[in-house]
Amino acid sequence: MSNFPSPTHSPEGLPGGLSVAPDRFDGIRRDYTQAEVDKLAGSFRVRHTLAEMGANRLWHLLKTEPYVNTLGALTGNQAMQQVKAGLKAI
């Protein structure tokens, strides 16, 4: 018997109350149950906060912002000029 607390999962099955867009994983087939995941999960939850924040921000931008037409920058100077000109993507 371990002295560590057992992992807690949110109702969606994500550890630590993570939240994602409801349609983000539509069409994904999983051949395992939440009980199997809980059984194999460790007692210590590693959180990659910066990665989670970046992924959530990217997903939000992909779903809410229109497509940006751009040719891309070949140098850092061109990238800076594009940002100063108001482009949202490089």
PDB file of N, CA and C in Angstrom:
ATOM      1  N   MET A   1       0.838  -1.179   0.000  1.00  0.00           N
ATOM      2  CA  MET A   1       0.000   0.000   0.000  1.00  0.00           C
ATOM      3  C   MET A   1       0.883   1.241   0.000  1.00  0.00           C
ATOM      4  N   SER A   2       0.557   2.193  -0.830  1.00  0.00           N
ATOM      5  CA  SER A   2       1.358   3.400  -0.990  1.00  0.00           C
ATOM      6  C   SER A   2       0.825   4.520  -0.099  1.00  0.00           C
ATOM      7  N   ASN A   3       1.729   5.373   0.355  1.00  0.00           N
ATOM      8  CA  ASN A   3       1.326   6.538   1.133  1.00  0.00           C
ATOM      9  C   ASN A   3       0.965   7.716   0.239  1.00  0.00           C
ATOM     10  N   PHE A   4       1.152   7.563  -1.065  1.00  0.00           N
ATOM     11  CA  PHE A   4       0.859   8.641  -1.995  1.00  0.00           C
ATOM     12  C   PHE A   4      -0.625   8.665  -2.312  1.00  0.00           C
ATOM     13  N   PRO A   5      -1.164   9.855  -2.533  1.00  0.00           N
ATOM     14  CA  PRO A   5      -2.578   9.916  -2.901  1.00  0.00           C
ATOM     15  C   PRO A   5      -2.778   9.318  -4.289  1.00  0.00           C
ATOM     16  N   SER A   6      -3.929   8.709  -4.481  1.00  0.00           N
ATOM     17  CA  SER A   6      -4.212   8.159  -5.803  1.00  0.00           C
ATOM     18  C   SER A   6      -4.568   9.304  -6.747  1.00  0.00           C
ATOM     19  N   PRO A   7      -4.318   9.115  -8.039  1.00  0.00           N
ATOM     20  CA  PRO A   7      -4.568  10.186  -8.990  1.00  0.00           C
ATOM     21  C   PRO A   7      -6.048  10.520  -9.064  1.00  0.00           C
ATOM     22  N   THR A   8      -6.319  11.781  -9.257  1.00  0.00           N
ATOM     23  CA  THR A   8      -7.700  12.213  -9.417  1.00  0.00           C
ATOM     24  C   THR A   8      -7.895  12.644 -10.858  1.00  0.00           C
ATOM     25  N   HIS A   9      -9.021  12.294 -11.392  1.00  0.00           N
ATOM     26  CA  HIS A   9      -9.325  12.627 -12.772  1.00  0.00           C
ATOM     27  C   HIS A   9     -10.596  13.450 -12.809  1.00  0.00           C
ATOM     28  N   SER A  10     -10.643  14.342 -13.768  1.00  0.00           N
ATOM     29  CA  SER A  10     -11.851  15.121 -13.970  1.00  0.00           C
ATOM     30  C   SER A  10     -12.897  14.227 -14.631  1.00  0.00           C
ATOM     31  N   PRO A  11     -14.139  14.661 -14.689  1.00  0.00           N
ATOM     32  CA  PRO A  11     -15.171  13.839 -15.316  1.00  0.00           C
ATOM     33  C   PRO A  11     -14.859  13.486 -16.767  1.00  0.00           C
ATOM     34  N   GLU A  12     -14.106  14.325 -17.452  1.00  0.00           N
ATOM     35  CA  GLU A  12     -13.758  14.064 -18.842  1.00  0.00           C
ATOM     36  C   GLU A  12     -12.630  13.056 -18.946  1.00  0.00           C
ATOM     37  N   GLY A  13     -12.049  12.657 -17.812  1.00  0.00           N
ATOM     38  CA  GLY A  13     -10.977  11.690 -17.842  1.00  0.00           C
ATOM     39  C   GLY A  13      -9.603  12.318 -17.950  1.00  0.00           C
ATOM     40  N   LEU A  14      -9.526  13.625 -17.814  1.00  0.00           N
ATOM     41  CA  LEU A  14      -8.233  14.287 -17.899  1.00  0.00           C
ATOM     42  C   LEU A  14      -7.690  14.529 -16.504  1.00  0.00           C
ATOM     43  N   PRO A  15      -6.416  14.285 -16.280  1.00  0.00           N
ATOM     44  CA  PRO A  15      -5.855  14.455 -14.945  1.00  0.00           C
ATOM     45  C   PRO A  15      -5.839  15.906 -14.509  1.00  0.00           C
ATOM     46  N   GLY A  16      -6.078  16.126 -13.239  1.00  0.00           N
ATOM     47  CA  GLY A  16      -5.917  17.442 -12.645  1.00  0.00           C
ATOM     48  C   GLY A  16      -6.874  18.498 -13.133  1.00  0.00           C
ATOM     49  N   GLY A  17      -7.989  18.126 -13.698  1.00  0.00           N
ATOM     50  CA  GLY A  17      -8.973  19.106 -14.116  1.00  0.00           C
ATOM     51  C   GLY A  17      -8.609  19.855 -15.383  1.00  0.00           C
ATOM     52  N   LEU A  18      -7.814  19.266 -16.249  1.00  0.00           N
ATOM     53  CA  LEU A  18      -7.484  19.915 -17.508  1.00  0.00           C
ATOM     54  C   LEU A  18      -8.745  20.089 -18.326  1.00  0.00           C
ATOM     55  N   SER A  19      -8.797  21.139 -19.083  1.00  0.00           N
ATOM     56  CA  SER A  19      -9.954  21.336 -19.941  1.00  0.00           C
ATOM     57  C   SER A  19      -9.482  21.552 -21.374  1.00  0.00           C
ATOM     58  N   VAL A  20     -10.190  20.959 -22.288  1.00  0.00           N
ATOM     59  CA  VAL A  20      -9.900  21.136 -23.705  1.00  0.00           C
ATOM     60  C   VAL A  20     -11.203  21.416 -24.419  1.00  0.00           C
ATOM     61  N   ALA A  21     -11.089  21.871 -25.645  1.00  0.00           N
ATOM     62  CA  ALA A  21     -12.274  22.123 -26.444  1.00  0.00           C
ATOM     63  C   ALA A  21     -13.055  20.820 -26.612  1.00  0.00           C
ATOM     64  N   PRO A  22     -14.381  20.878 -26.494  1.00  0.00           N
ATOM     65  CA  PRO A  22     -15.169  19.652 -26.538  1.00  0.00           C
ATOM     66  C   PRO A  22     -15.019  18.872 -27.846  1.00  0.00           C
ATOM     67  N   ASP A  23     -14.760  19.546 -28.959  1.00  0.00           N
ATOM     68  CA  ASP A  23     -14.663  18.862 -30.250  1.00  0.00           C
ATOM     69  C   ASP A  23     -13.228  18.540 -30.656  1.00  0.00           C
ATOM     70  N   ARG A  24     -12.283  18.788 -29.788  1.00  0.00           N
ATOM     71  CA  ARG A  24     -10.877  18.633 -30.171  1.00  0.00           C
ATOM     72  C   ARG A  24     -10.515  17.198 -30.532  1.00  0.00           C
ATOM     73  N   PHE A  25     -11.057  16.226 -29.846  1.00  0.00           N
ATOM     74  CA  PHE A  25     -10.691  14.838 -30.089  1.00  0.00           C
ATOM     75  C   PHE A  25     -11.823  14.038 -30.733  1.00  0.00           C
ATOM     76  N   ASP A  26     -12.738  14.722 -31.420  1.00  0.00           N
ATOM     77  CA  ASP A  26     -13.798  14.019 -32.143  1.00  0.00           C
ATOM     78  C   ASP A  26     -13.171  13.136 -33.218  1.00  0.00           C
ATOM     79  N   GLY A  27     -13.695  11.958 -33.370  1.00  0.00           N
ATOM     80  CA  GLY A  27     -13.200  11.045 -34.390  1.00  0.00           C
ATOM     81  C   GLY A  27     -12.033  10.183 -33.936  1.00  0.00           C
ATOM     82  N   ILE A  28     -11.573  10.363 -32.694  1.00  0.00           N
ATOM     83  CA  ILE A  28     -10.479   9.552 -32.164  1.00  0.00           C
ATOM     84  C   ILE A  28     -11.072   8.306 -31.515  1.00  0.00           C
ATOM     85  N   ARG A  29     -10.629   7.136 -31.932  1.00  0.00           N
ATOM     86  CA  ARG A  29     -11.108   5.881 -31.358  1.00  0.00           C
ATOM     87  C   ARG A  29     -10.088   5.382 -30.349  1.00  0.00           C
ATOM     88  N   ARG A  30     -10.556   5.093 -29.152  1.00  0.00           N
ATOM     89  CA  ARG A  30      -9.678   4.581 -28.101  1.00  0.00           C
ATOM     90  C   ARG A  30     -10.105   3.162 -27.756  1.00  0.00           C
ATOM     91  N   ASP A  31      -9.146   2.242 -27.773  1.00  0.00           N
ATOM     92  CA  ASP A  31      -9.435   0.835 -27.515  1.00  0.00           C
ATOM     93  C   ASP A  31      -9.218   0.460 -26.056  1.00  0.00           C
ATOM     94  N   TYR A  32      -9.400   1.393 -25.160  1.00  0.00           N
ATOM     95  CA  TYR A  32      -9.197   1.146 -23.739  1.00  0.00           C
ATOM     96  C   TYR A  32     -10.208   1.977 -22.960  1.00  0.00           C
ATOM     97  N   THR A  33     -10.444   1.561 -21.731  1.00  0.00           N
ATOM     98  CA  THR A  33     -11.412   2.263 -20.895  1.00  0.00           C
ATOM     99  C   THR A  33     -10.697   3.213 -19.942  1.00  0.00           C
ATOM    100  N   GLN A  34     -11.462   4.107 -19.345  1.00  0.00           N
ATOM    101  CA  GLN A  34     -10.895   5.026 -18.358  1.00  0.00           C
ATOM    102  C   GLN A  34     -10.358   4.257 -17.158  1.00  0.00           C
ATOM    103  N   ALA A  35     -11.005   3.148 -16.800  1.00  0.00           N
ATOM    104  CA  ALA A  35     -10.536   2.332 -15.672  1.00  0.00           C
ATOM    105  C   ALA A  35      -9.152   1.753 -15.957  1.00  0.00           C
ATOM    106  N   GLU A  36      -8.899   1.352 -17.201  1.00  0.00           N
ATOM    107  CA  GLU A  36      -7.576   0.831 -17.562  1.00  0.00           C
ATOM    108  C   GLU A  36      -6.516   1.921 -17.471  1.00  0.00           C
ATOM    109  N   VAL A  37      -6.874   3.128 -17.868  1.00  0.00           N
ATOM    110  CA  VAL A  37      -5.942   4.250 -17.778  1.00  0.00           C
ATOM    111  C   VAL A  37      -5.636   4.548 -16.318  1.00  0.00           C
ATOM    112  N   ASP A  38      -6.656   4.583 -15.474  1.00  0.00           N
ATOM    113  CA  ASP A  38      -6.461   4.848 -14.046  1.00  0.00           C
ATOM    114  C   ASP A  38      -5.581   3.787 -13.393  1.00  0.00           C
ATOM    115  N   LYS A  39      -5.761   2.542 -13.802  1.00  0.00           N
ATOM    116  CA  LYS A  39      -4.991   1.441 -13.226  1.00  0.00           C
ATOM    117  C   LYS A  39      -3.500   1.589 -13.533  1.00  0.00           C
ATOM    118  N   LEU A  40      -3.161   2.060 -14.723  1.00  0.00           N
ATOM    119  CA  LEU A  40      -1.768   2.184 -15.140  1.00  0.00           C
ATOM    120  C   LEU A  40      -1.142   3.534 -14.790  1.00  0.00           C
ATOM    121  N   ALA A  41      -1.961   4.495 -14.398  1.00  0.00           N
ATOM    122  CA  ALA A  41      -1.451   5.840 -14.110  1.00  0.00           C
ATOM    123  C   ALA A  41      -0.629   5.843 -12.827  1.00  0.00           C
ATOM    124  N   GLY A  42       0.397   6.643 -12.814  1.00  0.00           N
ATOM    125  CA  GLY A  42       1.217   6.785 -11.618  1.00  0.00           C
ATOM    126  C   GLY A  42       0.545   7.671 -10.587  1.00  0.00           C
ATOM    127  N   SER A  43       1.155   7.768  -9.421  1.00  0.00           N
ATOM    128  CA  SER A  43       0.566   8.574  -8.352  1.00  0.00           C
ATOM    129  C   SER A  43       1.018  10.028  -8.425  1.00  0.00           C
ATOM    130  N   PHE A  44       2.006  10.309  -9.247  1.00  0.00           N
ATOM    131  CA  PHE A  44       2.513  11.678  -9.370  1.00  0.00           C
ATOM    132  C   PHE A  44       2.182  12.200 -10.758  1.00  0.00           C
ATOM    133  N   ARG A  45       1.484  13.314 -10.810  1.00  0.00           N
ATOM    134  CA  ARG A  45       1.085  13.901 -12.082  1.00  0.00           C
ATOM    135  C   ARG A  45       2.092  14.962 -12.505  1.00  0.00           C
ATOM    136  N   VAL A  46       2.710  14.757 -13.651  1.00  0.00           N
ATOM    137  CA  VAL A  46       3.626  15.740 -14.213  1.00  0.00           C
ATOM    138  C   VAL A  46       2.809  16.686 -15.074  1.00  0.00           C
ATOM    139  N   ARG A  47       2.938  17.978 -14.814  1.00  0.00           N
ATOM    140  CA  ARG A  47       2.221  18.980 -15.590  1.00  0.00           C
ATOM    141  C   ARG A  47       3.220  19.753 -16.428  1.00  0.00           C
ATOM    142  N   HIS A  48       2.996  19.798 -17.709  1.00  0.00           N
ATOM    143  CA  HIS A  48       3.819  20.570 -18.634  1.00  0.00           C
ATOM    144  C   HIS A  48       3.040  21.846 -18.957  1.00  0.00           C
ATOM    145  N   THR A  49       3.093  22.780 -18.023  1.00  0.00           N
ATOM    146  CA  THR A  49       2.241  23.959 -18.068  1.00  0.00           C
ATOM    147  C   THR A  49       2.445  24.782 -19.329  1.00  0.00           C
ATOM    148  N   LEU A  50       3.693  25.067 -19.683  1.00  0.00           N
ATOM    149  CA  LEU A  50       3.941  25.889 -20.866  1.00  0.00           C
ATOM    150  C   LEU A  50       3.443  25.194 -22.130  1.00  0.00           C
ATOM    151  N   ALA A  51       3.663  23.903 -22.234  1.00  0.00           N
ATOM    152  CA  ALA A  51       3.195  23.158 -23.404  1.00  0.00           C
ATOM    153  C   ALA A  51       1.668  23.151 -23.464  1.00  0.00           C
ATOM    154  N   GLU A  52       1.019  22.967 -22.314  1.00  0.00           N
ATOM    155  CA  GLU A  52      -0.444  22.966 -22.278  1.00  0.00           C
ATOM    156  C   GLU A  52      -0.993  24.322 -22.687  1.00  0.00           C
ATOM    157  N   MET A  53      -0.394  25.380 -22.155  1.00  0.00           N
ATOM    158  CA  MET A  53      -0.862  26.720 -22.492  1.00  0.00           C
ATOM    159  C   MET A  53      -0.654  27.015 -23.976  1.00  0.00           C
ATOM    160  N   GLY A  54       0.497  26.631 -24.498  1.00  0.00           N
ATOM    161  CA  GLY A  54       0.773  26.853 -25.915  1.00  0.00           C
ATOM    162  C   GLY A  54      -0.166  26.066 -26.810  1.00  0.00           C
ATOM    163  N   ALA A  55      -0.426  24.816 -26.451  1.00  0.00           N
ATOM    164  CA  ALA A  55      -1.330  23.984 -27.248  1.00  0.00           C
ATOM    165  C   ALA A  55      -2.752  24.532 -27.204  1.00  0.00           C
ATOM    166  N   ASN A  56      -3.195  24.967 -26.038  1.00  0.00           N
ATOM    167  CA  ASN A  56      -4.540  25.541 -25.921  1.00  0.00           C
ATOM    168  C   ASN A  56      -4.653  26.835 -26.708  1.00  0.00           C
ATOM    169  N   ARG A  57      -3.608  27.651 -26.667  1.00  0.00           N
ATOM    170  CA  ARG A  57      -3.621  28.913 -27.418  1.00  0.00           C
ATOM    171  C   ARG A  57      -3.660  28.638 -28.920  1.00  0.00           C
ATOM    172  N   LEU A  58      -2.834  27.693 -29.386  1.00  0.00           N
ATOM    173  CA  LEU A  58      -2.820  27.346 -30.806  1.00  0.00           C
ATOM    174  C   LEU A  58      -4.176  26.816 -31.246  1.00  0.00           C
ATOM    175  N   TRP A  59      -4.772  25.921 -30.458  1.00  0.00           N
ATOM    176  CA  TRP A  59      -6.080  25.368 -30.804  1.00  0.00           C
ATOM    177  C   TRP A  59      -7.125  26.470 -30.885  1.00  0.00           C
ATOM    178  N   HIS A  60      -7.091  27.398 -29.929  1.00  0.00           N
ATOM    179  CA  HIS A  60      -8.038  28.516 -29.932  1.00  0.00           C
ATOM    180  C   HIS A  60      -7.865  29.361 -31.193  1.00  0.00           C
ATOM    181  N   LEU A  61      -6.614  29.678 -31.544  1.00  0.00           N
ATOM    182  CA  LEU A  61      -6.366  30.483 -32.741  1.00  0.00           C
ATOM    183  C   LEU A  61      -6.800  29.749 -34.008  1.00  0.00           C
ATOM    184  N   LEU A  62      -6.548  28.439 -34.067  1.00  0.00           N
ATOM    185  CA  LEU A  62      -6.945  27.674 -35.248  1.00  0.00           C
ATOM    186  C   LEU A  62      -8.455  27.663 -35.433  1.00  0.00           C
ATOM    187  N   LYS A  63      -9.193  27.665 -34.334  1.00  0.00           N
ATOM    188  CA  LYS A  63     -10.648  27.574 -34.409  1.00  0.00           C
ATOM    189  C   LYS A  63     -11.352  28.928 -34.489  1.00  0.00           C
ATOM    190  N   THR A  64     -10.680  30.021 -34.109  1.00  0.00           N
ATOM    191  CA  THR A  64     -11.375  31.306 -34.059  1.00  0.00           C
ATOM    192  C   THR A  64     -10.868  32.333 -35.061  1.00  0.00           C
ATOM    193  N   GLU A  65      -9.628  32.224 -35.490  1.00  0.00           N
ATOM    194  CA  GLU A  65      -9.061  33.226 -36.395  1.00  0.00           C
ATOM    195  C   GLU A  65      -9.157  32.757 -37.843  1.00  0.00           C
ATOM    196  N   PRO A  66      -9.351  33.700 -38.772  1.00  0.00           N
ATOM    197  CA  PRO A  66      -9.380  33.310 -40.184  1.00  0.00           C
ATOM    198  C   PRO A  66      -7.979  32.955 -40.690  1.00  0.00           C
ATOM    199  N   TYR A  67      -7.946  32.277 -41.815  1.00  0.00           N
ATOM    200  CA  TYR A  67      -6.692  31.880 -42.441  1.00  0.00           C
ATOM    201  C   TYR A  67      -5.897  33.124 -42.834  1.00  0.00           C
ATOM    202  N   VAL A  68      -4.587  33.100 -42.635  1.00  0.00           N
ATOM    203  CA  VAL A  68      -3.723  34.237 -42.967  1.00  0.00           C
ATOM    204  C   VAL A  68      -2.853  33.848 -44.155  1.00  0.00           C
ATOM    205  N   ASN A  69      -3.007  34.568 -45.264  1.00  0.00           N
ATOM    206  CA  ASN A  69      -2.166  34.336 -46.438  1.00  0.00           C
ATOM    207  C   ASN A  69      -0.858  35.094 -46.275  1.00  0.00           C
ATOM    208  N   THR A  70       0.246  34.405 -46.388  1.00  0.00           N
ATOM    209  CA  THR A  70       1.557  35.033 -46.304  1.00  0.00           C
ATOM    210  C   THR A  70       2.559  34.154 -47.030  1.00  0.00           C
ATOM    211  N   LEU A  71       3.627  34.752 -47.497  1.00  0.00           N
ATOM    212  CA  LEU A  71       4.652  33.998 -48.217  1.00  0.00           C
ATOM    213  C   LEU A  71       5.699  33.431 -47.279  1.00  0.00           C
ATOM    214  N   GLY A  72       5.793  33.975 -46.090  1.00  0.00           N
ATOM    215  CA  GLY A  72       6.808  33.503 -45.154  1.00  0.00           C
ATOM    216  C   GLY A  72       8.066  34.345 -45.245  1.00  0.00           C
ATOM    217  N   ALA A  73       8.782  34.398 -44.163  1.00  0.00           N
ATOM    218  CA  ALA A  73      10.013  35.182 -44.095  1.00  0.00           C
ATOM    219  C   ALA A  73      11.208  34.260 -44.281  1.00  0.00           C
ATOM    220  N   LEU A  74      12.205  34.750 -45.011  1.00  0.00           N
ATOM    221  CA  LEU A  74      13.430  33.979 -45.207  1.00  0.00           C
ATOM    222  C   LEU A  74      14.502  34.358 -44.202  1.00  0.00           C
ATOM    223  N   THR A  75      14.409  35.552 -43.653  1.00  0.00           N
ATOM    224  CA  THR A  75      15.407  36.009 -42.686  1.00  0.00           C
ATOM    225  C   THR A  75      14.696  36.568 -41.467  1.00  0.00           C
ATOM    226  N   GLY A  76      15.444  36.736 -40.402  1.00  0.00           N
ATOM    227  CA  GLY A  76      14.887  37.342 -39.198  1.00  0.00           C
ATOM    228  C   GLY A  76      14.445  38.771 -39.435  1.00  0.00           C
ATOM    229  N   ASN A  77      15.186  39.499 -40.259  1.00  0.00           N
ATOM    230  CA  ASN A  77      14.840  40.886 -40.564  1.00  0.00           C
ATOM    231  C   ASN A  77      13.499  40.951 -41.296  1.00  0.00           C
ATOM    232  N   GLN A  78      13.280  40.063 -42.249  1.00  0.00           N
ATOM    233  CA  GLN A  78      11.998  40.028 -42.945  1.00  0.00           C
ATOM    234  C   GLN A  78      10.863  39.704 -41.976  1.00  0.00           C
ATOM    235  N   ALA A  79      11.108  38.806 -41.054  1.00  0.00           N
ATOM    236  CA  ALA A  79      10.092  38.455 -40.060  1.00  0.00           C
ATOM    237  C   ALA A  79       9.737  39.670 -39.212  1.00  0.00           C
ATOM    238  N   MET A  80      10.742  40.413 -38.777  1.00  0.00           N
ATOM    239  CA  MET A  80      10.486  41.616 -37.974  1.00  0.00           C
ATOM    240  C   MET A  80       9.691  42.633 -38.780  1.00  0.00           C
ATOM    241  N   GLN A  81      10.018  42.794 -40.050  1.00  0.00           N
ATOM    242  CA  GLN A  81       9.290  43.737 -40.897  1.00  0.00           C
ATOM    243  C   GLN A  81       7.834  43.310 -41.060  1.00  0.00           C
ATOM    244  N   GLN A  82       7.599  42.019 -41.209  1.00  0.00           N
ATOM    245  CA  GLN A  82       6.230  41.533 -41.354  1.00  0.00           C
ATOM    246  C   GLN A  82       5.423  41.760 -40.082  1.00  0.00           C
ATOM    247  N   VAL A  83       6.036  41.534 -38.932  1.00  0.00           N
ATOM    248  CA  VAL A  83       5.345  41.760 -37.660  1.00  0.00           C
ATOM    249  C   VAL A  83       5.028  43.236 -37.493  1.00  0.00           C
ATOM    250  N   LYS A  84       5.997  44.102 -37.808  1.00  0.00           N
ATOM    251  CA  LYS A  84       5.771  45.549 -37.701  1.00  0.00           C
ATOM    252  C   LYS A  84       4.687  46.013 -38.664  1.00  0.00           C
ATOM    253  N   ALA A  85       4.557  45.330 -39.808  1.00  0.00           N
ATOM    254  CA  ALA A  85       3.538  45.693 -40.791  1.00  0.00           C
ATOM    255  C   ALA A  85       2.149  45.214 -40.374  1.00  0.00           C
ATOM    256  N   GLY A  86       2.080  44.380 -39.343  1.00  0.00           N
ATOM    257  CA  GLY A  86       0.788  43.966 -38.817  1.00  0.00           C
ATOM    258  C   GLY A  86       0.350  42.560 -39.169  1.00  0.00           C
ATOM    259  N   LEU A  87       1.212  41.766 -39.795  1.00  0.00           N
ATOM    260  CA  LEU A  87       0.838  40.387 -40.098  1.00  0.00           C
ATOM    261  C   LEU A  87       0.683  39.589 -38.805  1.00  0.00           C
ATOM    262  N   LYS A  88      -0.314  38.707 -38.770  1.00  0.00           N
ATOM    263  CA  LYS A  88      -0.526  37.880 -37.584  1.00  0.00           C
ATOM    264  C   LYS A  88       0.270  36.595 -37.642  1.00  0.00           C
ATOM    265  N   ALA A  89       0.803  36.264 -38.811  1.00  0.00           N
ATOM    266  CA  ALA A  89       1.588  35.035 -38.968  1.00  0.00           C
ATOM    267  C   ALA A  89       2.786  35.324 -39.850  1.00  0.00           C
ATOM    268  N   ILE A  90       3.831  34.565 -39.628  1.00  0.00           N
ATOM    269  CA  ILE A  90       5.053  34.753 -40.419  1.00  0.00           C
ATOM    270  C   ILE A  90       5.264  33.519 -41.266  1.00  0.00           C
TER     271      ILE A  90
END
